[in-house]
Amino acid sequence: MLSDGQAHALFDRPIARKTDPVTLVEAGEKVRRSGKVARQKAAVLEALRRRPNSTSAELTWFMALDDRHICSRRLPDLEADGLAERLPPRICGVTGSRCITWRAKDPGARSHDDEEDRG
């Protein structure tokens, strides 16, 4: 589990790229400052810990969210923070399509690729 300081450092990163249009950067900064992104990331991470190897659509269903974009946006954010990792795709139980699966990763833990390399 992350300390408050670690969570703040990881969850308080800018969410827009420097190359994004200024309006998108401003909107992203407003949402980040409000704490909404940090709350979403924390909720998605908790759901991922409870439901490892899930697709974003499966997590959306598990969390009973109306907005399917929350998980699909926050999972790559969590990956960039070193808290989640992509796994091989499989048929999603919600969409019926092949989708990337995800699992929570503790900071400093070995990745799925590292485990495969060890054979």
Foldseek 3Di string as FASTA:
>chain_A
DDDPVLLCVLQLDQLDDPPDPPVVSVVSNVCSVVCVSSVLLVLLLVLQAVPPFAFLQVSCVVVVHPDSVSSVSNQVSCVVSVFKDWDAWDQHPPPRDTGITMHTDDPPDDDPVVVVVVD
